[in-house]
């Protein structure tokens, strides 16, 4: 097994590839609590800066947890390519109408 830590442009490129290949990740919050609080989430996109976009209910437990501690870890798996990706970062809750319109689809509503 190889482990590769990527930086900057290489990291953004890999994030975009894996988000496209496997849009479902385990979205983990409350990283200091055990057991970890993880749930499957569908990624909408990874932008040119490496930001990964999701839709979430305003009053979800996840959003409440992010307001208390915005550190998150995402776990992606691409079974067909035998790849995985672990992303650690800080989440931000956005109500940007332009982004909502950009990523909204009937699949999100379901």
N, C-alpha and C. Protein backbone atom coordinates (compact mmCIF):
# COMPACT_ATOMS: atom_id res chain seq x y z
N UNK A 1 0.85 -1.18 0.00
CA UNK A 1 0.00 0.00 0.00
C UNK A 1 0.89 1.23 0.00
N UNK A 2 0.57 2.20 -0.84
CA UNK A 2 1.35 3.43 -0.84
C UNK A 2 0.52 4.55 -0.23
N UNK A 3 1.19 5.43 0.44
CA UNK A 3 0.56 6.60 1.03
C UNK A 3 1.23 7.80 0.42
N UNK A 4 0.43 8.71 -0.10
CA UNK A 4 0.98 9.88 -0.76
C UNK A 4 0.28 11.11 -0.21
N UNK A 5 1.06 12.02 0.35
CA UNK A 5 0.52 13.28 0.82
C UNK A 5 0.77 14.33 -0.25
N UNK A 6 -0.30 14.93 -0.73
CA UNK A 6 -0.19 15.88 -1.82
C UNK A 6 -0.36 17.31 -1.32
N UNK A 7 0.27 18.24 -2.02
CA UNK A 7 0.18 19.64 -1.66
C UNK A 7 -0.32 20.46 -2.85
N UNK A 8 -0.96 21.54 -2.56
CA UNK A 8 -1.41 22.57 -3.49
C UNK A 8 -2.11 22.04 -4.74
N UNK A 9 -1.55 22.34 -5.92
CA UNK A 9 -2.23 22.01 -7.17
C UNK A 9 -2.47 20.52 -7.32
N UNK A 10 -1.48 19.70 -6.93
CA UNK A 10 -1.65 18.24 -7.02
C UNK A 10 -2.79 17.78 -6.12
N UNK A 11 -2.87 18.37 -4.95
CA UNK A 11 -3.92 17.99 -4.00
C UNK A 11 -5.29 18.38 -4.54
N UNK A 12 -5.42 19.58 -5.07
CA UNK A 12 -6.70 20.03 -5.62
C UNK A 12 -7.10 19.14 -6.80
N UNK A 13 -6.16 18.83 -7.66
CA UNK A 13 -6.45 17.95 -8.80
C UNK A 13 -6.95 16.59 -8.32
N UNK A 14 -6.30 16.01 -7.32
CA UNK A 14 -6.69 14.69 -6.80
C UNK A 14 -8.06 14.77 -6.12
N UNK A 15 -8.30 15.83 -5.37
CA UNK A 15 -9.60 16.01 -4.73
C UNK A 15 -10.70 16.05 -5.79
N UNK A 16 -10.50 16.84 -6.83
CA UNK A 16 -11.50 16.96 -7.90
C UNK A 16 -11.74 15.61 -8.57
N UNK A 17 -10.67 14.86 -8.84
CA UNK A 17 -10.80 13.54 -9.48
C UNK A 17 -11.61 12.58 -8.61
N UNK A 18 -11.26 12.52 -7.33
CA UNK A 18 -11.91 11.54 -6.47
C UNK A 18 -13.34 11.93 -6.12
N UNK A 19 -13.61 13.22 -5.98
CA UNK A 19 -14.98 13.67 -5.73
C UNK A 19 -15.86 13.32 -6.93
N UNK A 20 -15.31 13.47 -8.12
CA UNK A 20 -16.07 13.13 -9.33
C UNK A 20 -16.28 11.62 -9.45
N UNK A 21 -15.25 10.84 -9.11
CA UNK A 21 -15.33 9.38 -9.23
C UNK A 21 -16.20 8.75 -8.15
N UNK A 22 -16.22 9.36 -6.99
CA UNK A 22 -16.97 8.81 -5.86
C UNK A 22 -17.59 9.97 -5.10
N UNK A 23 -18.78 10.37 -5.48
CA UNK A 23 -19.36 11.58 -4.90
C UNK A 23 -19.83 11.40 -3.45
N UNK A 24 -19.91 10.17 -2.98
CA UNK A 24 -20.33 9.93 -1.60
C UNK A 24 -19.11 9.81 -0.71
N UNK A 25 -19.13 10.52 0.39
CA UNK A 25 -18.04 10.40 1.37
C UNK A 25 -18.65 10.20 2.75
N UNK A 26 -17.83 9.80 3.68
CA UNK A 26 -18.22 9.81 5.08
C UNK A 26 -17.78 11.17 5.63
N UNK A 27 -18.74 11.97 6.03
CA UNK A 27 -18.53 13.33 6.51
C UNK A 27 -18.50 13.25 8.03
N UNK A 28 -17.35 13.54 8.62
CA UNK A 28 -17.14 13.32 10.05
C UNK A 28 -16.99 14.65 10.78
N UNK A 29 -17.77 14.81 11.86
CA UNK A 29 -17.73 16.01 12.69
C UNK A 29 -17.43 15.59 14.13
N UNK A 30 -17.34 16.57 15.01
CA UNK A 30 -17.07 16.33 16.44
C UNK A 30 -15.87 15.40 16.59
N UNK A 31 -14.75 15.81 16.00
CA UNK A 31 -13.57 14.96 15.91
C UNK A 31 -12.93 14.63 17.26
N UNK A 32 -13.27 15.37 18.29
CA UNK A 32 -12.67 15.09 19.60
C UNK A 32 -13.51 14.13 20.44
N UNK A 33 -14.68 13.78 19.94
CA UNK A 33 -15.57 12.87 20.67
C UNK A 33 -15.44 11.46 20.11
N UNK A 34 -15.55 10.49 21.00
CA UNK A 34 -15.59 9.09 20.56
C UNK A 34 -16.92 8.51 21.00
N UNK A 35 -17.58 7.75 20.16
CA UNK A 35 -17.15 7.42 18.81
C UNK A 35 -17.30 8.64 17.90
N UNK A 36 -16.57 8.62 16.78
CA UNK A 36 -16.66 9.70 15.81
C UNK A 36 -18.08 9.78 15.26
N UNK A 37 -18.50 10.97 14.91
CA UNK A 37 -19.83 11.18 14.36
C UNK A 37 -19.70 11.33 12.84
N UNK A 38 -19.99 10.26 12.11
CA UNK A 38 -19.84 10.28 10.65
C UNK A 38 -21.16 9.89 10.00
N UNK A 39 -21.40 10.47 8.82
CA UNK A 39 -22.59 10.15 8.05
C UNK A 39 -22.24 10.27 6.57
N UNK A 40 -22.91 9.47 5.72
CA UNK A 40 -22.64 9.60 4.29
C UNK A 40 -23.23 10.90 3.76
N UNK A 41 -22.46 11.57 2.94
CA UNK A 41 -22.91 12.81 2.31
C UNK A 41 -22.52 12.77 0.84
N UNK A 42 -23.35 13.36 0.00
CA UNK A 42 -23.06 13.45 -1.42
C UNK A 42 -22.43 14.80 -1.73
N UNK A 43 -21.24 14.77 -2.30
CA UNK A 43 -20.55 16.00 -2.69
C UNK A 43 -21.19 16.55 -3.95
N UNK A 44 -21.35 17.85 -4.01
CA UNK A 44 -21.87 18.48 -5.22
C UNK A 44 -20.75 18.79 -6.21
N UNK A 45 -19.60 19.22 -5.67
CA UNK A 45 -18.49 19.60 -6.54
C UNK A 45 -17.27 19.88 -5.67
N UNK A 46 -16.13 19.87 -6.31
CA UNK A 46 -14.90 20.39 -5.72
C UNK A 46 -14.45 21.51 -6.65
N UNK A 47 -14.28 22.70 -6.11
CA UNK A 47 -13.95 23.84 -6.97
C UNK A 47 -12.44 23.95 -7.20
N UNK A 48 -12.03 24.98 -7.90
CA UNK A 48 -10.63 25.16 -8.30
C UNK A 48 -9.70 25.42 -7.11
N UNK A 49 -10.26 25.77 -5.97
CA UNK A 49 -9.46 25.99 -4.77
C UNK A 49 -9.41 24.75 -3.89
N UNK A 50 -10.15 23.72 -4.27
CA UNK A 50 -10.19 22.49 -3.48
C UNK A 50 -11.31 22.47 -2.47
N UNK A 51 -12.16 23.48 -2.47
CA UNK A 51 -13.33 23.48 -1.58
C UNK A 51 -14.33 22.45 -2.08
N UNK A 52 -14.87 21.67 -1.18
CA UNK A 52 -15.85 20.65 -1.54
C UNK A 52 -17.21 21.14 -1.06
N UNK A 53 -18.19 21.12 -1.97
CA UNK A 53 -19.50 21.68 -1.69
C UNK A 53 -20.53 20.58 -1.44
N UNK A 54 -21.37 20.80 -0.41
CA UNK A 54 -22.43 19.87 -0.02
C UNK A 54 -23.72 20.66 0.20
N UNK A 55 -24.85 19.98 0.13
CA UNK A 55 -26.12 20.55 0.58
C UNK A 55 -26.47 19.90 1.91
N UNK A 56 -27.05 20.71 2.80
CA UNK A 56 -27.43 20.22 4.11
C UNK A 56 -28.60 21.03 4.64
N UNK A 57 -29.45 20.37 5.39
CA UNK A 57 -30.57 21.06 6.03
C UNK A 57 -30.03 22.05 7.05
N UNK A 58 -30.59 23.24 7.07
CA UNK A 58 -30.12 24.29 7.99
C UNK A 58 -30.09 23.85 9.44
N UNK A 59 -31.06 23.02 9.83
CA UNK A 59 -31.18 22.64 11.24
C UNK A 59 -30.63 21.24 11.52
N UNK A 60 -29.83 20.70 10.61
CA UNK A 60 -29.30 19.35 10.81
C UNK A 60 -28.34 19.30 11.99
N UNK A 61 -28.22 18.14 12.58
CA UNK A 61 -27.25 17.94 13.67
C UNK A 61 -25.85 18.29 13.19
N UNK A 62 -25.56 17.94 11.95
CA UNK A 62 -24.23 18.20 11.39
C UNK A 62 -23.93 19.70 11.41
N UNK A 63 -24.88 20.51 10.99
CA UNK A 63 -24.66 21.96 10.99
C UNK A 63 -24.50 22.50 12.40
N UNK A 64 -25.25 21.97 13.33
CA UNK A 64 -25.11 22.39 14.73
C UNK A 64 -23.72 22.02 15.24
N UNK A 65 -23.25 20.83 14.89
CA UNK A 65 -21.91 20.40 15.30
C UNK A 65 -20.83 21.27 14.66
N UNK A 66 -21.01 21.65 13.39
CA UNK A 66 -20.04 22.51 12.69
C UNK A 66 -20.00 23.89 13.33
N UNK A 67 -21.15 24.41 13.78
CA UNK A 67 -21.16 25.71 14.45
C UNK A 67 -20.37 25.67 15.76
N UNK A 68 -20.36 24.53 16.44
CA UNK A 68 -19.62 24.38 17.70
C UNK A 68 -18.13 24.16 17.45
N UNK A 69 -17.80 23.38 16.42
CA UNK A 69 -16.42 23.03 16.10
C UNK A 69 -16.38 22.73 14.61
N UNK A 70 -15.77 23.61 13.82
CA UNK A 70 -15.86 23.48 12.37
C UNK A 70 -14.81 22.55 11.76
N UNK A 71 -14.05 21.84 12.58
CA UNK A 71 -13.09 20.87 12.04
C UNK A 71 -13.85 19.62 11.58
N UNK A 72 -13.56 19.20 10.36
CA UNK A 72 -14.20 18.02 9.79
C UNK A 72 -13.17 17.15 9.09
N UNK A 73 -13.53 15.89 8.90
CA UNK A 73 -12.72 15.00 8.09
C UNK A 73 -13.64 14.23 7.17
N UNK A 74 -13.25 14.16 5.90
CA UNK A 74 -14.03 13.48 4.88
C UNK A 74 -13.24 12.26 4.40
N UNK A 75 -13.96 11.15 4.20
CA UNK A 75 -13.33 9.93 3.74
C UNK A 75 -14.02 9.49 2.45
N UNK A 76 -13.26 9.47 1.35
CA UNK A 76 -13.76 9.05 0.04
C UNK A 76 -13.12 7.73 -0.34
N UNK A 77 -13.87 6.89 -1.06
CA UNK A 77 -13.34 5.64 -1.60
C UNK A 77 -13.77 5.53 -3.05
N UNK A 78 -12.81 5.23 -3.91
CA UNK A 78 -13.09 4.94 -5.31
C UNK A 78 -12.76 3.47 -5.50
N UNK A 79 -13.77 2.62 -5.36
CA UNK A 79 -13.54 1.17 -5.45
C UNK A 79 -12.98 0.74 -6.80
N UNK A 80 -13.48 1.33 -7.87
CA UNK A 80 -13.03 0.89 -9.19
C UNK A 80 -11.57 1.26 -9.44
N UNK A 81 -11.09 2.30 -8.80
CA UNK A 81 -9.69 2.71 -8.99
C UNK A 81 -8.80 2.33 -7.83
N UNK A 82 -9.36 1.62 -6.85
CA UNK A 82 -8.60 1.21 -5.66
C UNK A 82 -7.89 2.41 -5.02
N UNK A 83 -8.64 3.50 -4.88
CA UNK A 83 -8.10 4.71 -4.29
C UNK A 83 -8.95 5.13 -3.11
N UNK A 84 -8.33 5.81 -2.19
CA UNK A 84 -9.09 6.44 -1.13
C UNK A 84 -8.48 7.80 -0.86
N UNK A 85 -9.27 8.66 -0.24
CA UNK A 85 -8.81 10.00 0.07
C UNK A 85 -9.38 10.40 1.42
N UNK A 86 -8.51 10.90 2.27
CA UNK A 86 -8.92 11.44 3.55
C UNK A 86 -8.61 12.94 3.51
N UNK A 87 -9.64 13.76 3.73
CA UNK A 87 -9.47 15.21 3.70
C UNK A 87 -9.81 15.76 5.08
N UNK A 88 -8.87 16.47 5.67
CA UNK A 88 -9.11 17.14 6.95
C UNK A 88 -9.15 18.63 6.67
N UNK A 89 -10.13 19.32 7.26
CA UNK A 89 -10.21 20.76 7.06
C UNK A 89 -11.26 21.40 7.93
N UNK A 90 -11.62 22.60 7.57
CA UNK A 90 -12.61 23.36 8.32
C UNK A 90 -13.83 23.58 7.44
N UNK A 91 -14.99 23.32 8.00
CA UNK A 91 -16.25 23.49 7.27
C UNK A 91 -16.80 24.88 7.53
N UNK A 92 -17.51 25.37 6.55
CA UNK A 92 -18.18 26.66 6.67
C UNK A 92 -19.60 26.48 6.14
N UNK A 93 -20.57 26.98 6.88
CA UNK A 93 -21.96 26.91 6.44
C UNK A 93 -22.24 28.16 5.63
N UNK A 94 -22.65 27.95 4.39
CA UNK A 94 -22.90 29.06 3.47
C UNK A 94 -24.36 29.06 3.04
N UNK A 95 -24.93 30.24 2.94
CA UNK A 95 -26.28 30.38 2.39
C UNK A 95 -26.23 31.25 1.14
N UNK A 96 -25.09 31.22 0.46
CA UNK A 96 -24.86 31.98 -0.77
C UNK A 96 -25.84 31.54 -1.85
N UNK A 97 -26.77 32.40 -2.21
CA UNK A 97 -27.81 32.09 -3.19
C UNK A 97 -27.22 31.68 -4.54
N UNK A 98 -26.16 32.33 -4.96
CA UNK A 98 -25.53 32.02 -6.24
C UNK A 98 -24.99 30.58 -6.24
N UNK A 99 -24.35 30.17 -5.14
CA UNK A 99 -23.83 28.79 -5.04
C UNK A 99 -24.97 27.79 -4.98
N UNK A 100 -26.01 28.11 -4.26
CA UNK A 100 -27.18 27.22 -4.17
C UNK A 100 -27.76 27.00 -5.57
N UNK A 101 -27.95 28.08 -6.31
CA UNK A 101 -28.50 27.98 -7.67
C UNK A 101 -27.55 27.18 -8.58
N UNK A 102 -26.25 27.37 -8.40
CA UNK A 102 -25.26 26.69 -9.23
C UNK A 102 -25.29 25.17 -9.04
N UNK A 103 -25.47 24.72 -7.80
CA UNK A 103 -25.37 23.30 -7.50
C UNK A 103 -26.71 22.59 -7.30
N UNK A 104 -27.81 23.34 -7.25
CA UNK A 104 -29.11 22.72 -6.98
C UNK A 104 -29.54 21.82 -8.14
N UNK A 105 -30.12 20.68 -7.79
CA UNK A 105 -30.68 19.77 -8.80
C UNK A 105 -31.83 19.01 -8.17
N UNK A 106 -32.57 18.30 -8.98
CA UNK A 106 -33.68 17.50 -8.45
C UNK A 106 -33.16 16.38 -7.53
N UNK A 107 -31.93 15.93 -7.75
CA UNK A 107 -31.33 14.89 -6.89
C UNK A 107 -31.10 15.42 -5.48
N UNK A 108 -30.76 16.69 -5.36
CA UNK A 108 -30.55 17.31 -4.05
C UNK A 108 -31.86 17.32 -3.28
N UNK A 109 -32.94 17.67 -3.99
CA UNK A 109 -34.26 17.76 -3.36
C UNK A 109 -34.70 16.41 -2.81
N UNK A 110 -34.34 15.34 -3.51
CA UNK A 110 -34.73 13.98 -3.09
C UNK A 110 -34.00 13.65 -1.84
